[in-house]
Amino acid sequence: MRTISTKILSTSNTKGTRVKATVSEGKESITMSYDHGLNADKNHMAVATALAEKLGWRERLLGGHTDGGMVFVVNCDLSRSLYTIGA
């Protein structure tokens, strides 16, 4: 299952607030400036979408919150999942 994790990077002495997305299967990542015209969720969605497009992923992403940001999974056929929780 392919996933993208996102997190907010705090302002530094040289850079403003940014949002970073990283793919689980490798070292691919992308960082974008935080868009103050959007809320936090939409900033996470924007950077995850940008990384998915960079990787050529065309499937829909499903996202949810974590302690450190958000995680997005590729919308896959759940009947083929390695792990199924619940009934």
C-alpha atoms as a PDB file:
ATOM      1  CA  MET A   1       0.000   0.000   0.000  1.00  0.00           C
ATOM      2  CA  ARG A   2       1.394   3.373  -0.971  1.00  0.00           C
ATOM      3  CA  THR A   3       1.261   6.211   1.563  1.00  0.00           C
ATOM      4  CA  ILE A   4       2.284   9.840   1.858  1.00  0.00           C
ATOM      5  CA  SER A   5       2.991  11.458   5.229  1.00  0.00           C
ATOM      6  CA  THR A   6       2.823  15.225   5.664  1.00  0.00           C
ATOM      7  CA  LYS A   7       4.026  17.555   8.394  1.00  0.00           C
ATOM      8  CA  ILE A   8       4.423  21.250   9.115  1.00  0.00           C
ATOM      9  CA  LEU A   9       7.976  22.615   9.199  1.00  0.00           C
ATOM     10  CA  SER A  10       8.315  25.570  11.554  1.00  0.00           C
ATOM     11  CA  THR A  11       9.617  28.951  10.547  1.00  0.00           C
ATOM     12  CA  SER A  12      13.409  29.238  10.685  1.00  0.00           C
ATOM     13  CA  ASN A  13      15.764  32.218  10.526  1.00  0.00           C
ATOM     14  CA  THR A  14      15.862  31.952   6.737  1.00  0.00           C
ATOM     15  CA  LYS A  15      12.590  30.250   5.700  1.00  0.00           C
ATOM     16  CA  GLY A  16       8.922  30.713   6.442  1.00  0.00           C
ATOM     17  CA  THR A  17       6.536  27.971   7.545  1.00  0.00           C
ATOM     18  CA  ARG A  18       6.495  25.072   5.109  1.00  0.00           C
ATOM     19  CA  VAL A  19       4.643  21.784   4.619  1.00  0.00           C
ATOM     20  CA  LYS A  20       6.561  18.628   3.678  1.00  0.00           C
ATOM     21  CA  ALA A  21       5.222  15.423   2.115  1.00  0.00           C
ATOM     22  CA  THR A  22       7.225  12.181   2.062  1.00  0.00           C
ATOM     23  CA  VAL A  23       6.364   8.892   0.361  1.00  0.00           C
ATOM     24  CA  SER A  24       6.629   5.720   2.450  1.00  0.00           C
ATOM     25  CA  GLU A  25       8.376   3.569  -0.175  1.00  0.00           C
ATOM     26  CA  GLY A  26      11.464   5.625  -0.634  1.00  0.00           C
ATOM     27  CA  LYS A  27      13.203   8.894  -0.342  1.00  0.00           C
ATOM     28  CA  GLU A  28      10.880  10.977  -2.526  1.00  0.00           C
ATOM     29  CA  SER A  29       9.586  14.148  -0.901  1.00  0.00           C
ATOM     30  CA  ILE A  30       8.416  17.633  -1.724  1.00  0.00           C
ATOM     31  CA  THR A  31       8.270  20.773   0.404  1.00  0.00           C
ATOM     32  CA  MET A  32       6.006  23.757  -0.256  1.00  0.00           C
ATOM     33  CA  SER A  33       5.557  27.108   1.427  1.00  0.00           C
ATOM     34  CA  TYR A  34       2.588  27.238   3.801  1.00  0.00           C
ATOM     35  CA  ASP A  35      -0.297  29.018   2.061  1.00  0.00           C
ATOM     36  CA  HIS A  36      -1.893  31.255   4.698  1.00  0.00           C
ATOM     37  CA  GLY A  37      -4.936  31.604   2.436  1.00  0.00           C
ATOM     38  CA  LEU A  38      -5.724  27.942   3.141  1.00  0.00           C
ATOM     39  CA  ASN A  39      -6.420  26.175   6.419  1.00  0.00           C
ATOM     40  CA  ALA A  40      -3.982  23.576   7.779  1.00  0.00           C
ATOM     41  CA  ASP A  41      -5.835  20.571   6.309  1.00  0.00           C
ATOM     42  CA  LYS A  42      -5.855  22.084   2.827  1.00  0.00           C
ATOM     43  CA  ASN A  43      -2.128  22.838   3.072  1.00  0.00           C
ATOM     44  CA  HIS A  44      -1.484  19.168   3.903  1.00  0.00           C
ATOM     45  CA  MET A  45      -3.742  18.082   1.027  1.00  0.00           C
ATOM     46  CA  ALA A  46      -2.005  20.427  -1.422  1.00  0.00           C
ATOM     47  CA  VAL A  47       1.487  19.119  -0.707  1.00  0.00           C
ATOM     48  CA  ALA A  48       0.315  15.467  -0.740  1.00  0.00           C
ATOM     49  CA  THR A  49      -1.392  16.039  -4.095  1.00  0.00           C
ATOM     50  CA  ALA A  50       1.723  17.714  -5.503  1.00  0.00           C
ATOM     51  CA  LEU A  51       3.876  14.738  -4.479  1.00  0.00           C
ATOM     52  CA  ALA A  52       1.378  12.234  -5.895  1.00  0.00           C
ATOM     53  CA  GLU A  53       1.387  14.126  -9.209  1.00  0.00           C
ATOM     54  CA  LYS A  54       5.196  14.226  -9.222  1.00  0.00           C
ATOM     55  CA  LEU A  55       5.216  10.435  -8.796  1.00  0.00           C
ATOM     56  CA  GLY A  56       2.588   9.907 -11.507  1.00  0.00           C
ATOM     57  CA  TRP A  57       0.009   8.499  -9.089  1.00  0.00           C
ATOM     58  CA  ARG A  58      -3.468   8.915 -10.567  1.00  0.00           C
ATOM     59  CA  GLU A  59      -5.532   7.225  -7.837  1.00  0.00           C
ATOM     60  CA  ARG A  60      -7.577   9.133  -5.276  1.00  0.00           C
ATOM     61  CA  LEU A  61      -5.870   9.816  -1.935  1.00  0.00           C
ATOM     62  CA  LEU A  62      -7.638   9.201   1.376  1.00  0.00           C
ATOM     63  CA  GLY A  63      -6.269  11.207   4.292  1.00  0.00           C
ATOM     64  CA  GLY A  64      -6.438  11.355   8.043  1.00  0.00           C
ATOM     65  CA  HIS A  65      -4.757  13.065  10.966  1.00  0.00           C
ATOM     66  CA  THR A  66      -1.807  11.750  12.976  1.00  0.00           C
ATOM     67  CA  ASP A  67      -0.007  13.171  16.000  1.00  0.00           C
ATOM     68  CA  GLY A  68       2.586  14.760  13.736  1.00  0.00           C
ATOM     69  CA  GLY A  69       0.536  15.819  10.710  1.00  0.00           C
ATOM     70  CA  MET A  70      -1.483  13.768   8.240  1.00  0.00           C
ATOM     71  CA  VAL A  71      -1.126  10.526   6.327  1.00  0.00           C
ATOM     72  CA  PHE A  72      -2.649   9.804   2.923  1.00  0.00           C
ATOM     73  CA  VAL A  73      -3.152   6.357   1.405  1.00  0.00           C
ATOM     74  CA  VAL A  74      -3.853   5.542  -2.198  1.00  0.00           C
ATOM     75  CA  ASN A  75      -7.505   4.548  -2.582  1.00  0.00           C
ATOM     76  CA  CYS A  76      -7.088   0.847  -3.241  1.00  0.00           C
ATOM     77  CA  ASP A  77      -9.308  -2.206  -3.387  1.00  0.00           C
ATOM     78  CA  LEU A  78      -9.684  -3.029   0.321  1.00  0.00           C
ATOM     79  CA  SER A  79     -10.420  -6.672  -0.502  1.00  0.00           C
ATOM     80  CA  ARG A  80      -6.794  -6.950  -1.650  1.00  0.00           C
ATOM     81  CA  SER A  81      -5.307  -5.249   1.439  1.00  0.00           C
ATOM     82  CA  LEU A  82      -2.656  -7.047   3.408  1.00  0.00           C
ATOM     83  CA  TYR A  83      -4.365  -6.170   6.663  1.00  0.00           C
ATOM     84  CA  THR A  84      -8.053  -5.687   7.330  1.00  0.00           C
ATOM     85  CA  ILE A  85      -9.288  -4.499  10.718  1.00  0.00           C
ATOM     86  CA  GLY A  86     -12.870  -5.065  11.797  1.00  0.00           C
ATOM     87  CA  ALA A  87     -15.697  -7.056  10.309  1.00  0.00           C
END
